[in-house]
Amino acid sequence: MFAEIREVYRSSRKARDNFWNTFVARPIAAVLLHFLQHLRLTPNQWTFIALAVAVAAAATLALWRTWTGLIVGAVLLEASYVLDCVDGQLARLKGRCTPAGAHLDFLMDELKAFLYVAAVTLRLWLISGKVYYLVVGLLGLAAVAAAISLTTFMRRPEYLAAGPPSPPPAPPDKYAVPQPRSPLALGVIAAEFAGQWVIHYPSYFLYLALLNFVEGYFFVYLAAHVAYLGRSLAQIVLRLGRPATAPPAAASSREPAPPPAPAPSRASAPPDEAPPP
């Protein structure tokens, strides 16, 4: 059985994935696939089942306002994410990957992100009674929605084809010495890595629930989306907002016009027409 589960995992995993997916979520999904792959459920149906579990997780987080409720909600959140891995792994295992299924999966991820932010906002407000959490939560929801919309826009082929053309890559130089990265470049790389980890909330939400510190998800997750929103807007403005270059002058691409031919004289009349006396 373990060999079969290992083969399911090997055949259905992604070539490049993050740490949590590779060593936690997808191995669990492979175990589930071993027992559930013979059911007559399509990958899209598993996507909808994962959404239903996510709705239950959001309701638990918002309405069951004890530490136990937070842990149960976090477990349901993680279960929804594992089921979200099941749909993609089943599609790859059965050869049913389609563009519509990939877009559906991305849409469901968006809806779950909205649900969890709204649920945690409501939970913090109901527990503390502070309107501050509602204000921050509403602004955070707007930031999350805008960031996801920009992601969708920047993945469009029309956007990728717009803007100035990229310069051709320089030929490789086998004698070139690699230059060390500057501290600023290393800081940017570290910030982007941290932002990607923060946005992938299933990697740490359960740990924060065990610590009874859901505020860590609330503020850090929203701050990461605000930072991503600012960076994406800057990239779009730099790519599409540059002034248009002036076209070359029309006269510069033409040869000078030849001088006009002289008017024919009377003596140059054709031979069959004698000049008048």
Protein backbone atom coordinates (compact mmCIF):
# COMPACT_ATOMS: atom_id res chain seq x y z
CA MET A 1 0.00 0.00 0.00
CA PHE A 2 2.80 2.42 0.87
CA ALA A 3 4.43 1.83 -2.50
CA GLU A 4 1.14 2.65 -4.22
CA ILE A 5 0.73 5.84 -2.18
CA ARG A 6 4.30 6.84 -3.01
CA GLU A 7 3.60 6.27 -6.69
CA VAL A 8 0.40 8.36 -6.50
CA TYR A 9 2.35 11.16 -4.87
CA ARG A 10 5.18 10.95 -7.39
CA SER A 11 2.80 10.94 -10.35
CA SER A 12 0.58 13.79 -9.17
CA ARG A 13 2.85 16.30 -7.45
CA LYS A 14 4.10 19.51 -9.01
CA ALA A 15 7.68 19.75 -10.17
CA ARG A 16 8.21 23.01 -8.26
CA ASP A 17 6.31 23.62 -5.04
CA ASN A 18 6.77 25.21 -1.63
CA PHE A 19 7.89 23.40 1.51
CA TRP A 20 4.42 23.04 3.07
CA ASN A 21 2.90 21.54 -0.06
CA THR A 22 5.80 19.20 -0.74
CA PHE A 23 6.15 17.70 2.74
CA VAL A 24 2.73 18.19 4.38
CA ALA A 25 -0.30 18.94 2.23
CA ARG A 26 0.40 16.90 -0.89
CA PRO A 27 1.55 13.73 0.91
CA ILE A 28 -1.71 13.77 2.89
CA ALA A 29 -3.62 14.40 -0.34
CA ALA A 30 -1.82 11.44 -1.93
CA VAL A 31 -3.02 9.18 0.91
CA LEU A 32 -6.58 10.38 0.34
CA LEU A 33 -6.21 9.89 -3.41
CA HIS A 34 -5.12 6.30 -2.90
CA PHE A 35 -8.48 5.52 -1.31
CA LEU A 36 -10.70 8.00 -3.20
CA GLN A 37 -9.39 7.97 -6.76
CA HIS A 38 -11.84 5.25 -7.79
CA LEU A 39 -14.88 7.34 -6.80
CA ARG A 40 -16.84 8.89 -9.62
CA LEU A 41 -15.93 12.42 -8.60
CA THR A 42 -14.29 14.82 -11.01
CA PRO A 43 -11.51 17.24 -10.04
CA ASN A 44 -13.96 20.14 -10.31
CA GLN A 45 -16.31 18.42 -7.85
CA TRP A 46 -13.45 18.08 -5.38
CA THR A 47 -12.83 21.80 -5.83
CA PHE A 48 -16.41 22.56 -4.79
CA ILE A 49 -16.14 20.17 -1.82
CA ALA A 50 -13.02 22.03 -0.69
CA LEU A 51 -14.95 25.31 -0.92
CA ALA A 52 -17.77 23.89 1.22
CA VAL A 53 -15.25 22.88 3.91
CA ALA A 54 -13.73 26.36 3.71
CA VAL A 55 -17.16 27.91 4.33
CA ALA A 56 -17.52 25.70 7.42
CA ALA A 57 -14.05 26.79 8.57
CA ALA A 58 -14.90 30.48 8.15
CA ALA A 59 -18.19 30.09 10.03
CA THR A 60 -16.40 28.27 12.86
CA LEU A 61 -13.73 30.96 13.12
CA ALA A 62 -16.29 33.75 13.19
CA LEU A 63 -18.95 32.25 15.49
CA TRP A 64 -17.13 29.84 17.81
CA ARG A 65 -15.12 32.44 19.68
CA THR A 66 -13.19 30.25 22.14
CA TRP A 67 -9.69 28.84 21.83
CA THR A 68 -11.21 25.45 21.00
CA GLY A 69 -13.27 27.04 18.24
CA LEU A 70 -10.14 28.67 16.84
CA ILE A 71 -8.33 25.33 16.70
CA VAL A 72 -11.32 23.55 15.13
CA GLY A 73 -11.62 26.32 12.55
CA ALA A 74 -7.91 26.06 11.77
CA VAL A 75 -8.15 22.29 11.33
CA LEU A 76 -11.08 22.75 8.93
CA LEU A 77 -9.06 25.38 7.07
CA GLU A 78 -6.17 22.95 6.66
CA ALA A 79 -8.59 20.17 5.61
CA SER A 80 -10.01 22.45 2.93
CA TYR A 81 -6.51 23.14 1.65
CA VAL A 82 -5.65 19.42 1.51
CA LEU A 83 -8.84 18.82 -0.50
CA ASP A 84 -7.79 21.69 -2.74
CA CYS A 85 -4.58 19.75 -3.38
CA VAL A 86 -6.62 16.61 -4.11
CA ASP A 87 -8.40 18.19 -7.08
CA GLY A 88 -5.20 19.21 -8.85
CA GLN A 89 -3.40 15.96 -8.07
CA LEU A 90 -6.37 13.94 -9.29
CA ALA A 91 -6.46 15.96 -12.52
CA ARG A 92 -2.76 15.31 -13.13
CA LEU A 93 -3.08 11.64 -12.17
CA LYS A 94 -6.04 11.06 -14.52
CA GLY A 95 -4.82 13.35 -17.29
CA ARG A 96 -7.80 15.71 -16.89
CA CYS A 97 -5.98 19.02 -16.57
CA THR A 98 -7.89 21.75 -18.41
CA PRO A 99 -7.58 25.56 -18.56
CA ALA A 100 -11.12 25.90 -17.20
CA GLY A 101 -10.24 23.71 -14.21
CA ALA A 102 -7.12 25.76 -13.48
CA HIS A 103 -9.10 29.01 -13.60
CA LEU A 104 -11.81 27.50 -11.40
CA ASP A 105 -9.20 26.47 -8.84
CA PHE A 106 -7.74 30.00 -8.81
CA LEU A 107 -11.22 31.49 -8.40
CA MET A 108 -11.99 29.24 -5.43
CA ASP A 109 -8.69 30.25 -3.83
CA GLU A 110 -9.74 33.89 -4.16
CA LEU A 111 -13.11 33.24 -2.54
CA LYS A 112 -11.49 31.37 0.35
CA ALA A 113 -9.04 34.23 0.94
CA PHE A 114 -11.98 36.65 1.20
CA LEU A 115 -13.86 34.29 3.51
CA TYR A 116 -11.00 33.86 5.96
CA VAL A 117 -10.19 37.57 6.17
CA ALA A 118 -13.87 38.37 6.76
CA ALA A 119 -14.22 35.59 9.35
CA VAL A 120 -11.14 36.62 11.34
CA THR A 121 -12.20 40.27 11.17
CA LEU A 122 -15.62 39.39 12.57
CA ARG A 123 -14.08 37.17 15.25
CA LEU A 124 -11.69 39.84 16.49
CA TRP A 125 -14.42 42.48 16.52
CA LEU A 126 -16.92 40.28 18.39
CA ILE A 127 -14.33 39.27 20.99
CA SER A 128 -12.85 42.72 21.59
CA GLY A 129 -15.76 45.00 20.71
CA LYS A 130 -13.32 47.37 18.98
CA VAL A 131 -14.52 48.95 15.74
CA TYR A 132 -10.85 49.29 14.85
CA TYR A 133 -10.79 45.65 13.72
CA LEU A 134 -13.77 46.23 11.44
CA VAL A 135 -12.12 49.23 9.78
CA VAL A 136 -8.81 47.44 9.28
CA GLY A 137 -10.63 44.32 8.07
CA LEU A 138 -12.69 46.22 5.49
CA LEU A 139 -9.63 48.05 4.19
CA GLY A 140 -7.75 44.75 4.16
CA LEU A 141 -10.50 43.05 2.18
CA ALA A 142 -10.28 45.84 -0.38
CA ALA A 143 -6.49 45.40 -0.56
CA VAL A 144 -6.78 41.62 -0.97
CA ALA A 145 -9.42 41.98 -3.69
CA ALA A 146 -7.38 44.60 -5.55
CA ALA A 147 -4.17 42.55 -5.28
CA ILE A 148 -5.87 39.45 -6.64
CA SER A 149 -7.42 41.47 -9.49
CA LEU A 150 -4.01 42.85 -10.40
CA THR A 151 -2.57 39.34 -10.38
CA THR A 152 -5.25 38.23 -12.83
CA PHE A 153 -4.59 41.26 -15.04
CA MET A 154 -0.81 40.82 -15.05
CA ARG A 155 -1.17 37.19 -16.13
CA ARG A 156 -3.16 38.13 -19.20
CA PRO A 157 -1.32 37.68 -22.51
CA GLU A 158 -2.48 41.14 -23.59
CA TYR A 159 -0.58 42.69 -20.68
CA LEU A 160 2.49 40.54 -21.27
CA ALA A 161 2.56 41.59 -24.91
CA ALA A 162 2.14 45.30 -24.12
CA GLY A 163 4.83 47.76 -23.19
CA PRO A 164 8.33 48.18 -24.59
CA PRO A 165 9.96 45.05 -26.05
CA SER A 166 12.48 43.29 -23.87
CA PRO A 167 16.11 43.61 -24.97
CA PRO A 168 17.67 40.45 -26.40
CA PRO A 169 19.58 38.39 -23.85
CA ALA A 170 23.32 38.87 -23.81
CA PRO A 171 25.37 35.92 -25.04
CA PRO A 172 26.77 33.81 -22.20
CA ASP A 173 30.31 34.52 -21.16
CA LYS A 174 32.00 31.50 -19.66
CA TYR A 175 34.83 33.67 -18.39
CA ALA A 176 32.56 36.11 -16.57
CA VAL A 177 33.00 36.24 -12.81
CA PRO A 178 29.67 36.24 -10.88
CA GLN A 179 29.17 39.55 -9.15
CA PRO A 180 28.05 39.47 -5.50
CA ARG A 181 24.58 40.84 -4.84
CA SER A 182 24.30 44.16 -3.09
CA PRO A 183 22.75 44.34 0.39
CA LEU A 184 19.74 46.11 -1.13
CA ALA A 185 19.20 43.31 -3.66
CA LEU A 186 19.53 40.68 -0.95
CA GLY A 187 17.02 42.59 1.18
CA VAL A 188 14.52 42.72 -1.68
CA ILE A 189 14.90 38.97 -2.29
CA ALA A 190 14.40 38.23 1.41
CA ALA A 191 11.33 40.50 1.57
CA GLU A 192 9.76 38.82 -1.47
CA PHE A 193 10.41 35.36 -0.01
CA ALA A 194 8.85 36.39 3.30
CA GLY A 195 5.87 37.91 1.50
CA GLN A 196 5.25 34.73 -0.47
CA TRP A 197 5.36 32.70 2.74
CA VAL A 198 2.96 35.08 4.53
CA ILE A 199 0.45 35.04 1.66
CA HIS A 200 0.47 31.21 1.77
CA TYR A 201 -1.49 31.19 5.05
CA PRO A 202 -2.01 27.38 5.32
CA SER A 203 1.71 27.11 6.09
CA TYR A 204 1.32 28.78 9.48
CA PHE A 205 -2.35 29.36 10.39
CA LEU A 206 -2.60 26.23 12.53
CA TYR A 207 0.48 27.22 14.54
CA LEU A 208 -1.00 30.64 15.29
CA ALA A 209 -4.28 28.97 16.33
CA LEU A 210 -2.42 26.73 18.78
CA LEU A 211 -0.82 29.87 20.22
CA ASN A 212 -4.24 31.61 20.29
CA PHE A 213 -2.71 34.45 18.31
CA VAL A 214 -4.87 34.87 15.21
CA GLU A 215 -3.94 38.57 15.18
CA GLY A 216 -0.61 37.47 13.74
CA TYR A 217 -2.39 36.23 10.62
CA PHE A 218 -4.72 39.24 10.51
CA PHE A 219 -2.17 42.04 10.46
CA VAL A 220 0.72 40.33 8.67
CA TYR A 221 -1.45 38.83 5.92
CA LEU A 222 -3.13 42.16 5.18
CA ALA A 223 0.18 44.04 5.28
CA ALA A 224 1.67 41.61 2.76
CA HIS A 225 -1.21 42.24 0.36
CA VAL A 226 -0.88 46.02 0.74
CA ALA A 227 2.83 45.74 -0.10
CA TYR A 228 2.11 43.46 -3.05
CA LEU A 229 -0.60 45.85 -4.26
CA GLY A 230 1.83 48.78 -4.23
CA ARG A 231 4.53 46.85 -6.07
CA SER A 232 2.12 45.54 -8.72
CA LEU A 233 0.67 49.00 -9.35
CA ALA A 234 4.17 50.39 -9.77
CA GLN A 235 5.05 47.65 -12.27
CA ILE A 236 1.89 48.31 -14.30
CA VAL A 237 2.50 52.07 -14.34
CA LEU A 238 6.11 51.63 -15.42
CA ARG A 239 5.13 49.18 -18.14
CA LEU A 240 2.03 50.85 -19.56
CA GLY A 241 2.33 54.46 -18.41
CA ARG A 242 5.46 55.48 -20.26
CA PRO A 243 5.15 58.37 -22.73
CA ALA A 244 4.78 57.31 -26.32
CA THR A 245 7.88 57.67 -28.48
CA ALA A 246 7.57 60.12 -31.38
CA PRO A 247 7.34 58.39 -34.79
CA PRO A 248 10.09 59.23 -37.30
CA ALA A 249 9.44 62.20 -39.56
CA ALA A 250 7.72 61.29 -42.80
CA ALA A 251 10.12 63.27 -44.99
CA SER A 252 13.20 61.62 -43.56
CA SER A 253 12.32 58.27 -45.08
CA ARG A 254 11.79 59.57 -48.59
CA GLU A 255 14.23 60.38 -51.41
CA PRO A 256 14.22 63.99 -52.70
CA ALA A 257 11.74 64.46 -55.51
CA PRO A 258 13.30 64.73 -59.02
CA PRO A 259 13.17 68.16 -60.72
CA PRO A 260 10.24 68.70 -63.12
CA ALA A 261 10.89 67.92 -66.78
CA PRO A 262 11.24 70.99 -69.09
CA ALA A 263 8.28 71.86 -71.28
CA PRO A 264 8.68 70.63 -74.93
CA SER A 265 9.63 73.32 -77.48
CA ARG A 266 8.06 73.82 -80.85
CA ALA A 267 11.06 72.22 -82.59
CA SER A 268 10.75 69.13 -80.53
CA ALA A 269 7.37 68.15 -81.84
CA PRO A 270 6.97 64.57 -83.02
CA PRO A 271 8.00 63.81 -86.63
CA ASP A 272 4.45 63.06 -87.78
CA GLU A 273 3.35 66.52 -86.69
CA ALA A 274 5.07 69.28 -88.66
CA PRO A 275 5.47 72.52 -86.78
CA PRO A 276 3.15 75.26 -87.96
CA PRO A 277 4.73 77.86 -90.25
